[in-house]
Amino acid sequence: DRSYSFFCKAGEDLDKRLYEMGADRKIPLYKCDVDFESR
């Protein structure tokens, strides 16, 4: 929810951590607001 300060923070942390552990990022991180259907 973009109205919160830590918008999509859990997803950001997870994406960064997997990359640090050597995983290959095939899709860049997508961050979706409350109307997430289009993204």
ModelCIF file with pLDDT and N, C-alpha, C, O atoms, coordinates in Angstrom:
data_MODEL
#
_entry.id   MODEL 
#
_entity.id                         1 
_entity.type                       polymer 
_entity.pdbx_number_of_molecules   1 
#
_entity_poly.entity_id                      1 
_entity_poly.type                           'polypeptide(L)' 
_entity_poly.nstd_linkage                   no 
_entity_poly.nstd_monomer                   no 
_entity_poly.pdbx_seq_one_letter_code       DRSYSFFCKAGEDLDKRLYEMGADRKIPLYKCDVDFESR 
_entity_poly.pdbx_seq_one_letter_code_can   DRSYSFFCKAGEDLDKRLYEMGADRKIPLYKCDVDFESR 
_entity_poly.pdbx_strand_id                 A 
#
loop_
_entity_poly_seq.entity_id 
_entity_poly_seq.num 
_entity_poly_seq.mon_id 
_entity_poly_seq.hetero 
1 1  ASP n 
1 2  ARG n 
1 3  SER n 
1 4  TYR n 
1 5  SER n 
1 6  PHE n 
1 7  PHE n 
1 8  CYS n 
1 9  LYS n 
1 10 ALA n 
1 11 GLY n 
1 12 GLU n 
1 13 ASP n 
1 14 LEU n 
1 15 ASP n 
1 16 LYS n 
1 17 ARG n 
1 18 LEU n 
1 19 TYR n 
1 20 GLU n 
1 21 MET n 
1 22 GLY n 
1 23 ALA n 
1 24 ASP n 
1 25 ARG n 
1 26 LYS n 
1 27 ILE n 
1 28 PRO n 
1 29 LEU n 
1 30 TYR n 
1 31 LYS n 
1 32 CYS n 
1 33 ASP n 
1 34 VAL n 
1 35 ASP n 
1 36 PHE n 
1 37 GLU n 
1 38 SER n 
1 39 ARG n 
#
_struct_asym.id          A 
_struct_asym.entity_id   1 
#
loop_
_ma_qa_metric.id 
_ma_qa_metric.mode 
_ma_qa_metric.name 
_ma_qa_metric.software_group_id 
_ma_qa_metric.type 
1 global pLDDT . pLDDT 
2 local  pLDDT . pLDDT 
#
_ma_qa_metric_global.metric_id      1 
_ma_qa_metric_global.metric_value   91.44 
_ma_qa_metric_global.model_id       1 
_ma_qa_metric_global.ordinal_id     1 
#
loop_
_ma_qa_metric_local.label_asym_id 
_ma_qa_metric_local.label_comp_id 
_ma_qa_metric_local.label_seq_id 
_ma_qa_metric_local.metric_id 
_ma_qa_metric_local.metric_value 
_ma_qa_metric_local.model_id 
_ma_qa_metric_local.ordinal_id 
A ASP 1  2 90.00 1 1  
A ARG 2  2 88.00 1 2  
A SER 3  2 86.00 1 3  
A TYR 4  2 86.00 1 4  
A SER 5  2 85.00 1 5  
A PHE 6  2 90.00 1 6  
A PHE 7  2 92.00 1 7  
A CYS 8  2 93.00 1 8  
A LYS 9  2 94.00 1 9  
A ALA 10 2 94.00 1 10 
A GLY 11 2 94.00 1 11 
A GLU 12 2 95.00 1 12 
A ASP 13 2 95.00 1 13 
A LEU 14 2 95.00 1 14 
A ASP 15 2 96.00 1 15 
A LYS 16 2 95.00 1 16 
A ARG 17 2 95.00 1 17 
A LEU 18 2 95.00 1 18 
A TYR 19 2 94.00 1 19 
A GLU 20 2 94.00 1 20 
A MET 21 2 94.00 1 21 
A GLY 22 2 93.00 1 22 
A ALA 23 2 93.00 1 23 
A ASP 24 2 92.00 1 24 
A ARG 25 2 92.00 1 25 
A LYS 26 2 89.00 1 26 
A ILE 27 2 90.00 1 27 
A PRO 28 2 90.00 1 28 
A LEU 29 2 93.00 1 29 
A TYR 30 2 93.00 1 30 
A LYS 31 2 93.00 1 31 
A CYS 32 2 93.00 1 32 
A ASP 33 2 91.00 1 33 
A VAL 34 2 87.00 1 34 
A ASP 35 2 88.00 1 35 
A PHE 36 2 88.00 1 36 
A GLU 37 2 88.00 1 37 
A SER 38 2 85.00 1 38 
A ARG 39 2 88.00 1 39 
#
loop_
_atom_site.group_PDB 
_atom_site.id 
_atom_site.type_symbol 
_atom_site.label_atom_id 
_atom_site.label_alt_id 
_atom_site.label_comp_id 
_atom_site.label_asym_id 
_atom_site.label_entity_id 
_atom_site.label_seq_id 
_atom_site.pdbx_PDB_ins_code 
_atom_site.Cartn_x 
_atom_site.Cartn_y 
_atom_site.Cartn_z 
_atom_site.occupancy 
_atom_site.B_iso_or_equiv 
_atom_site.pdbx_formal_charge 
_atom_site.auth_seq_id 
_atom_site.auth_comp_id 
_atom_site.auth_asym_id 
_atom_site.auth_atom_id 
_atom_site.pdbx_PDB_model_num 
ATOM 1   N N  . ASP A 1 1  ? 0.868  -1.176  0.000   1.00 90.00 ? 1  ASP A N  1 
ATOM 2   C CA . ASP A 1 1  ? 0.000  0.000   0.000   1.00 90.00 ? 1  ASP A CA 1 
ATOM 3   C C  . ASP A 1 1  ? 0.905  1.227   0.000   1.00 90.00 ? 1  ASP A C  1 
ATOM 4   O O  . ASP A 1 1  ? 1.652  1.454   0.952   1.00 90.00 ? 1  ASP A O  1 
ATOM 5   N N  . ARG A 1 2  ? 0.837  2.012   -1.064  1.00 88.00 ? 2  ARG A N  1 
ATOM 6   C CA . ARG A 1 2  ? 1.753  3.133   -1.235  1.00 88.00 ? 2  ARG A CA 1 
ATOM 7   C C  . ARG A 1 2  ? 1.574  4.215   -0.165  1.00 88.00 ? 2  ARG A C  1 
ATOM 8   O O  . ARG A 1 2  ? 2.457  5.052   0.018   1.00 88.00 ? 2  ARG A O  1 
ATOM 9   N N  . SER A 1 3  ? 0.479  4.204   0.518   1.00 86.00 ? 3  SER A N  1 
ATOM 10  C CA . SER A 1 3  ? 0.249  5.209   1.555   1.00 86.00 ? 3  SER A CA 1 
ATOM 11  C C  . SER A 1 3  ? 1.107  4.944   2.796   1.00 86.00 ? 3  SER A C  1 
ATOM 12  O O  . SER A 1 3  ? 1.226  5.806   3.667   1.00 86.00 ? 3  SER A O  1 
ATOM 13  N N  . TYR A 1 4  ? 1.705  3.748   2.875   1.00 86.00 ? 4  TYR A N  1 
ATOM 14  C CA . TYR A 1 4  ? 2.570  3.410   4.006   1.00 86.00 ? 4  TYR A CA 1 
ATOM 15  C C  . TYR A 1 4  ? 4.032  3.711   3.670   1.00 86.00 ? 4  TYR A C  1 
ATOM 16  O O  . TYR A 1 4  ? 4.439  3.634   2.511   1.00 86.00 ? 4  TYR A O  1 
ATOM 17  N N  . SER A 1 5  ? 4.810  4.052   4.691   1.00 85.00 ? 5  SER A N  1 
ATOM 18  C CA . SER A 1 5  ? 6.222  4.422   4.495   1.00 85.00 ? 5  SER A CA 1 
ATOM 19  C C  . SER A 1 5  ? 7.035  3.259   3.921   1.00 85.00 ? 5  SER A C  1 
ATOM 20  O O  . SER A 1 5  ? 7.891  3.472   3.063   1.00 85.00 ? 5  SER A O  1 
ATOM 21  N N  . PHE A 1 6  ? 6.776  2.039   4.383   1.00 90.00 ? 6  PHE A N  1 
ATOM 22  C CA . PHE A 1 6  ? 7.570  0.882   3.963   1.00 90.00 ? 6  PHE A CA 1 
ATOM 23  C C  . PHE A 1 6  ? 6.833  0.096   2.875   1.00 90.00 ? 6  PHE A C  1 
ATOM 24  O O  . PHE A 1 6  ? 6.522  -1.086  3.022   1.00 90.00 ? 6  PHE A O  1 
ATOM 25  N N  . PHE A 1 7  ? 6.569  0.809   1.778   1.00 92.00 ? 7  PHE A N  1 
ATOM 26  C CA . PHE A 1 7  ? 5.815  0.226   0.668   1.00 92.00 ? 7  PHE A CA 1 
ATOM 27  C C  . PHE A 1 7  ? 6.561  -0.976  0.079   1.00 92.00 ? 7  PHE A C  1 
ATOM 28  O O  . PHE A 1 7  ? 7.687  -0.841  -0.400  1.00 92.00 ? 7  PHE A O  1 
ATOM 29  N N  . CYS A 1 8  ? 5.922  -2.152  0.120   1.00 93.00 ? 8  CYS A N  1 
ATOM 30  C CA . CYS A 1 8  ? 6.462  -3.398  -0.458  1.00 93.00 ? 8  CYS A CA 1 
ATOM 31  C C  . CYS A 1 8  ? 7.826  -3.774  0.102   1.00 93.00 ? 8  CYS A C  1 
ATOM 32  O O  . CYS A 1 8  ? 8.631  -4.398  -0.589  1.00 93.00 ? 8  CYS A O  1 
ATOM 33  N N  . LYS A 1 9  ? 8.092  -3.396  1.360   1.00 94.00 ? 9  LYS A N  1 
ATOM 34  C CA . LYS A 1 9  ? 9.414  -3.642  1.955   1.00 94.00 ? 9  LYS A CA 1 
ATOM 35  C C  . LYS A 1 9  ? 9.740  -5.128  2.058   1.00 94.00 ? 9  LYS A C  1 
ATOM 36  O O  . LYS A 1 9  ? 10.878 -5.530  1.817   1.00 94.00 ? 9  LYS A O  1 
ATOM 37  N N  . ALA A 1 10 ? 8.751  -5.946  2.413   1.00 94.00 ? 10 ALA A N  1 
ATOM 38  C CA . ALA A 1 10 ? 9.004  -7.389  2.541   1.00 94.00 ? 10 ALA A CA 1 
ATOM 39  C C  . ALA A 1 10 ? 9.456  -7.979  1.199   1.00 94.00 ? 10 ALA A C  1 
ATOM 40  O O  . ALA A 1 10 ? 10.386 -8.784  1.152   1.00 94.00 ? 10 ALA A O  1 
ATOM 41  N N  . GLY A 1 11 ? 8.797  -7.575  0.117   1.00 94.00 ? 11 GLY A N  1 
ATOM 42  C CA . GLY A 1 11 ? 9.179  -8.046  -1.213  1.00 94.00 ? 11 GLY A CA 1 
ATOM 43  C C  . GLY A 1 11 ? 10.564 -7.563  -1.603  1.00 94.00 ? 11 GLY A C  1 
ATOM 44  O O  . GLY A 1 11 ? 11.345 -8.315  -2.186  1.00 94.00 ? 11 GLY A O  1 
ATOM 45  N N  . GLU A 1 12 ? 10.881 -6.287  -1.281  1.00 95.00 ? 12 GLU A N  1 
ATOM 46  C CA . GLU A 1 12 ? 12.209 -5.746  -1.571  1.00 95.00 ? 12 GLU A CA 1 
ATOM 47  C C  . GLU A 1 12 ? 13.290 -6.536  -0.846  1.00 95.00 ? 12 GLU A C  1 
ATOM 48  O O  . GLU A 1 12 ? 14.300 -6.912  -1.440  1.00 95.00 ? 12 GLU A O  1 
ATOM 49  N N  . ASP A 1 13 ? 13.070 -6.784  0.444   1.00 95.00 ? 13 ASP A N  1 
ATOM 50  C CA . ASP A 1 13 ? 14.058 -7.517  1.250   1.00 95.00 ? 13 ASP A CA 1 
ATOM 51  C C  . ASP A 1 13 ? 14.276 -8.933  0.713   1.00 95.00 ? 13 ASP A C  1 
ATOM 52  O O  . ASP A 1 13 ? 15.405 -9.416  0.636   1.00 95.00 ? 13 ASP A O  1 
ATOM 53  N N  . LEU A 1 14 ? 13.181 -9.580  0.347   1.00 95.00 ? 14 LEU A N  1 
ATOM 54  C CA . LEU A 1 14 ? 13.255 -10.951 -0.148  1.00 95.00 ? 14 LEU A CA 1 
ATOM 55  C C  . LEU A 1 14 ? 13.997 -11.011 -1.488  1.00 95.00 ? 14 LEU A C  1 
ATOM 56  O O  . LEU A 1 14 ? 14.846 -11.878 -1.698  1.00 95.00 ? 14 LEU A O  1 
ATOM 57  N N  . ASP A 1 15 ? 13.671 -10.092 -2.377  1.00 96.00 ? 15 ASP A N  1 
ATOM 58  C CA . ASP A 1 15 ? 14.324 -10.036 -3.686  1.00 96.00 ? 15 ASP A CA 1 
ATOM 59  C C  . ASP A 1 15 ? 15.829 -9.815  -3.529  1.00 96.00 ? 15 ASP A C  1 
ATOM 60  O O  . ASP A 1 15 ? 16.631 -10.482 -4.183  1.00 96.00 ? 15 ASP A O  1 
ATOM 61  N N  . LYS A 1 16 ? 16.202 -8.890  -2.672  1.00 95.00 ? 16 LYS A N  1 
ATOM 62  C CA . LYS A 1 16 ? 17.615 -8.578  -2.439  1.00 95.00 ? 16 LYS A CA 1 
ATOM 63  C C  . LYS A 1 16 ? 18.347 -9.759  -1.816  1.00 95.00 ? 16 LYS A C  1 
ATOM 64  O O  . LYS A 1 16 ? 19.472 -10.074 -2.202  1.00 95.00 ? 16 LYS A O  1 
ATOM 65  N N  . ARG A 1 17 ? 17.698 -10.416 -0.842  1.00 95.00 ? 17 ARG A N  1 
ATOM 66  C CA . ARG A 1 17 ? 18.350 -11.523 -0.134  1.00 95.00 ? 17 ARG A CA 1 
ATOM 67  C C  . ARG A 1 17 ? 18.601 -12.714 -1.063  1.00 95.00 ? 17 ARG A C  1 
ATOM 68  O O  . ARG A 1 17 ? 19.677 -13.311 -1.021  1.00 95.00 ? 17 ARG A O  1 
ATOM 69  N N  . LEU A 1 18 ? 17.640 -13.058 -1.884  1.00 95.00 ? 18 LEU A N  1 
ATOM 70  C CA . LEU A 1 18 ? 17.826 -14.183 -2.823  1.00 95.00 ? 18 LEU A CA 1 
ATOM 71  C C  . LEU A 1 18 ? 18.965 -13.891 -3.793  1.00 95.00 ? 18 LEU A C  1 
ATOM 72  O O  . LEU A 1 18 ? 19.758 -14.775 -4.118  1.00 95.00 ? 18 LEU A O  1 
ATOM 73  N N  . TYR A 1 19 ? 19.038 -12.655 -4.246  1.00 94.00 ? 19 TYR A N  1 
ATOM 74  C CA . TYR A 1 19 ? 20.117 -12.250 -5.151  1.00 94.00 ? 19 TYR A CA 1 
ATOM 75  C C  . TYR A 1 19 ? 21.477 -12.377 -4.460  1.00 94.00 ? 19 TYR A C  1 
ATOM 76  O O  . TYR A 1 19 ? 22.445 -12.846 -5.060  1.00 94.00 ? 19 TYR A O  1 
ATOM 77  N N  . GLU A 1 20 ? 21.541 -11.954 -3.186  1.00 94.00 ? 20 GLU A N  1 
ATOM 78  C CA . GLU A 1 20 ? 22.788 -12.060 -2.413  1.00 94.00 ? 20 GLU A CA 1 
ATOM 79  C C  . GLU A 1 20 ? 23.214 -13.509 -2.235  1.00 94.00 ? 20 GLU A C  1 
ATOM 80  O O  . GLU A 1 20 ? 24.406 -13.796 -2.127  1.00 94.00 ? 20 GLU A O  1 
ATOM 81  N N  . MET A 1 21 ? 22.259 -14.416 -2.204  1.00 94.00 ? 21 MET A N  1 
ATOM 82  C CA . MET A 1 21 ? 22.564 -15.833 -1.992  1.00 94.00 ? 21 MET A CA 1 
ATOM 83  C C  . MET A 1 21 ? 22.917 -16.556 -3.292  1.00 94.00 ? 21 MET A C  1 
ATOM 84  O O  . MET A 1 21 ? 23.108 -17.772 -3.303  1.00 94.00 ? 21 MET A O  1 
ATOM 85  N N  . GLY A 1 22 ? 23.002 -15.798 -4.382  1.00 93.00 ? 22 GLY A N  1 
ATOM 86  C CA . GLY A 1 22 ? 23.468 -16.381 -5.646  1.00 93.00 ? 22 GLY A CA 1 
ATOM 87  C C  . GLY A 1 22 ? 22.397 -16.743 -6.640  1.00 93.00 ? 22 GLY A C  1 
ATOM 88  O O  . GLY A 1 22 ? 22.709 -17.223 -7.730  1.00 93.00 ? 22 GLY A O  1 
ATOM 89  N N  . ALA A 1 23 ? 21.127 -16.525 -6.294  1.00 93.00 ? 23 ALA A N  1 
ATOM 90  C CA . ALA A 1 23 ? 20.044 -16.860 -7.223  1.00 93.00 ? 23 ALA A CA 1 
ATOM 91  C C  . ALA A 1 23 ? 20.049 -15.889 -8.407  1.00 93.00 ? 23 ALA A C  1 
ATOM 92  O O  . ALA A 1 23 ? 20.506 -14.751 -8.300  1.00 93.00 ? 23 ALA A O  1 
ATOM 93  N N  . ASP A 1 24 ? 19.530 -16.370 -9.528  1.00 92.00 ? 24 ASP A N  1 
ATOM 94  C CA . ASP A 1 24 ? 19.499 -15.598 -10.772 1.00 92.00 ? 24 ASP A CA 1 
ATOM 95  C C  . ASP A 1 24 ? 18.130 -14.935 -10.932 1.00 92.00 ? 24 ASP A C  1 
ATOM 96  O O  . ASP A 1 24 ? 17.119 -15.619 -11.096 1.00 92.00 ? 24 ASP A O  1 
ATOM 97  N N  . ARG A 1 25 ? 18.103 -13.592 -10.884 1.00 92.00 ? 25 ARG A N  1 
ATOM 98  C CA . ARG A 1 25 ? 16.845 -12.861 -10.973 1.00 92.00 ? 25 ARG A CA 1 
ATOM 99  C C  . ARG A 1 25 ? 16.346 -12.866 -12.421 1.00 92.00 ? 25 ARG A C  1 
ATOM 100 O O  . ARG A 1 25 ? 16.917 -12.191 -13.277 1.00 92.00 ? 25 ARG A O  1 
ATOM 101 N N  . LYS A 1 26 ? 15.284 -13.626 -12.694 1.00 89.00 ? 26 LYS A N  1 
ATOM 102 C CA . LYS A 1 26 ? 14.741 -13.740 -14.046 1.00 89.00 ? 26 LYS A CA 1 
ATOM 103 C C  . LYS A 1 26 ? 13.711 -12.658 -14.358 1.00 89.00 ? 26 LYS A C  1 
ATOM 104 O O  . LYS A 1 26 ? 13.552 -12.256 -15.511 1.00 89.00 ? 26 LYS A O  1 
ATOM 105 N N  . ILE A 1 27 ? 13.012 -12.190 -13.323 1.00 90.00 ? 27 ILE A N  1 
ATOM 106 C CA . ILE A 1 27 ? 12.041 -11.102 -13.493 1.00 90.00 ? 27 ILE A CA 1 
ATOM 107 C C  . ILE A 1 27 ? 12.408 -10.011 -12.489 1.00 90.00 ? 27 ILE A C  1 
ATOM 108 O O  . ILE A 1 27 ? 12.571 -10.307 -11.305 1.00 90.00 ? 27 ILE A O  1 
ATOM 109 N N  . PRO A 1 28 ? 12.541 -8.766  -12.927 1.00 90.00 ? 28 PRO A N  1 
ATOM 110 C CA . PRO A 1 28 ? 12.831 -7.698  -11.961 1.00 90.00 ? 28 PRO A CA 1 
ATOM 111 C C  . PRO A 1 28 ? 11.696 -7.568  -10.952 1.00 90.00 ? 28 PRO A C  1 
ATOM 112 O O  . PRO A 1 28 ? 10.551 -7.914  -11.242 1.00 90.00 ? 28 PRO A O  1 
ATOM 113 N N  . LEU A 1 29 ? 12.025 -7.066  -9.769  1.00 93.00 ? 29 LEU A N  1 
ATOM 114 C CA . LEU A 1 29 ? 11.020 -6.905  -8.712  1.00 93.00 ? 29 LEU A CA 1 
ATOM 115 C C  . LEU A 1 29 ? 9.873  -6.023  -9.188  1.00 93.00 ? 29 LEU A C  1 
ATOM 116 O O  . LEU A 1 29 ? 10.085 -4.905  -9.657  1.00 93.00 ? 29 LEU A O  1 
ATOM 117 N N  . TYR A 1 30 ? 8.652  -6.545  -9.060  1.00 93.00 ? 30 TYR A N  1 
ATOM 118 C CA . TYR A 1 30 ? 7.440  -5.766  -9.370  1.00 93.00 ? 30 TYR A CA 1 
ATOM 119 C C  . TYR A 1 30 ? 6.791  -5.385  -8.051  1.00 93.00 ? 30 TYR A C  1 
ATOM 120 O O  . TYR A 1 30 ? 6.535  -6.245  -7.209  1.00 93.00 ? 30 TYR A O  1 
ATOM 121 N N  . LYS A 1 31 ? 6.524  -4.089  -7.869  1.00 93.00 ? 31 LYS A N  1 
ATOM 122 C CA . LYS A 1 31 ? 5.848  -3.605  -6.659  1.00 93.00 ? 31 LYS A CA 1 
ATOM 123 C C  . LYS A 1 31 ? 4.445  -3.108  -7.025  1.00 93.00 ? 31 LYS A C  1 
ATOM 124 O O  . LYS A 1 31 ? 4.283  -2.246  -7.889  1.00 93.00 ? 31 LYS A O  1 
ATOM 125 N N  . CYS A 1 32 ? 3.443  -3.665  -6.355  1.00 93.00 ? 32 CYS A N  1 
ATOM 126 C CA . CYS A 1 32 ? 2.049  -3.364  -6.694  1.00 93.00 ? 32 CYS A CA 1 
ATOM 127 C C  . CYS A 1 32 ? 1.347  -2.627  -5.552  1.00 93.00 ? 32 CYS A C  1 
ATOM 128 O O  . CYS A 1 32 ? 1.511  -2.963  -4.379  1.00 93.00 ? 32 CYS A O  1 
ATOM 129 N N  . ASP A 1 33 ? 0.570  -1.627  -5.922  1.00 91.00 ? 33 ASP A N  1 
ATOM 130 C CA . ASP A 1 33 ? -0.246 -0.890  -4.944  1.00 91.00 ? 33 ASP A CA 1 
ATOM 131 C C  . ASP A 1 33 ? -1.546 -1.672  -4.711  1.00 91.00 ? 33 ASP A C  1 
ATOM 132 O O  . ASP A 1 33 ? -1.694 -2.798  -5.186  1.00 91.00 ? 33 ASP A O  1 
ATOM 133 N N  . VAL A 1 34 ? -2.478 -1.068  -3.982  1.00 87.00 ? 34 VAL A N  1 
ATOM 134 C CA . VAL A 1 34 ? -3.719 -1.778  -3.654  1.00 87.00 ? 34 VAL A CA 1 
ATOM 135 C C  . VAL A 1 34 ? -4.518 -2.193  -4.887  1.00 87.00 ? 34 VAL A C  1 
ATOM 136 O O  . VAL A 1 34 ? -5.201 -3.218  -4.873  1.00 87.00 ? 34 VAL A O  1 
ATOM 137 N N  . ASP A 1 35 ? -4.431 -1.385  -5.967  1.00 88.00 ? 35 ASP A N  1 
ATOM 138 C CA . ASP A 1 35 ? -5.068 -1.803  -7.227  1.00 88.00 ? 35 ASP A CA 1 
ATOM 139 C C  . ASP A 1 35 ? -3.996 -2.501  -8.064  1.00 88.00 ? 35 ASP A C  1 
ATOM 140 O O  . ASP A 1 35 ? -3.443 -1.944  -9.012  1.00 88.00 ? 35 ASP A O  1 
ATOM 141 N N  . PHE A 1 36 ? -3.733 -3.743  -7.668  1.00 88.00 ? 36 PHE A N  1 
ATOM 142 C CA . PHE A 1 36 ? -2.565 -4.471  -8.176  1.00 88.00 ? 36 PHE A CA 1 
ATOM 143 C C  . PHE A 1 36 ? -2.798 -5.229  -9.475  1.00 88.00 ? 36 PHE A C  1 
ATOM 144 O O  . PHE A 1 36 ? -1.840 -5.748  -10.047 1.00 88.00 ? 36 PHE A O  1 
ATOM 145 N N  . GLU A 1 37 ? -4.020 -5.311  -9.959  1.00 88.00 ? 37 GLU A N  1 
ATOM 146 C CA . GLU A 1 37 ? -4.347 -6.221  -11.064 1.00 88.00 ? 37 GLU A CA 1 
ATOM 147 C C  . GLU A 1 37 ? -3.496 -5.966  -12.314 1.00 88.00 ? 37 GLU A C  1 
ATOM 148 O O  . GLU A 1 37 ? -2.974 -6.910  -12.907 1.00 88.00 ? 37 GLU A O  1 
ATOM 149 N N  . SER A 1 38 ? -3.353 -4.703  -12.714 1.00 85.00 ? 38 SER A N  1 
ATOM 150 C CA . SER A 1 38 ? -2.625 -4.378  -13.948 1.00 85.00 ? 38 SER A CA 1 
ATOM 151 C C  . SER A 1 38 ? -1.143 -4.746  -13.847 1.00 85.00 ? 38 SER A C  1 
ATOM 152 O O  . SER A 1 38 ? -0.580 -5.356  -14.756 1.00 85.00 ? 38 SER A O  1 
ATOM 153 N N  . ARG A 1 39 ? -0.513 -4.359  -12.709 1.00 88.00 ? 39 ARG A N  1 
ATOM 154 C CA . ARG A 1 39 ? 0.916  -4.679  -12.518 1.00 88.00 ? 39 ARG A CA 1 
ATOM 155 C C  . ARG A 1 39 ? 1.114  -6.186  -12.388 1.00 88.00 ? 39 ARG A C  1 
ATOM 156 O O  . ARG A 1 39 ? 2.243  -6.649  -12.223 1.00 88.00 ? 39 ARG A O  1 
#
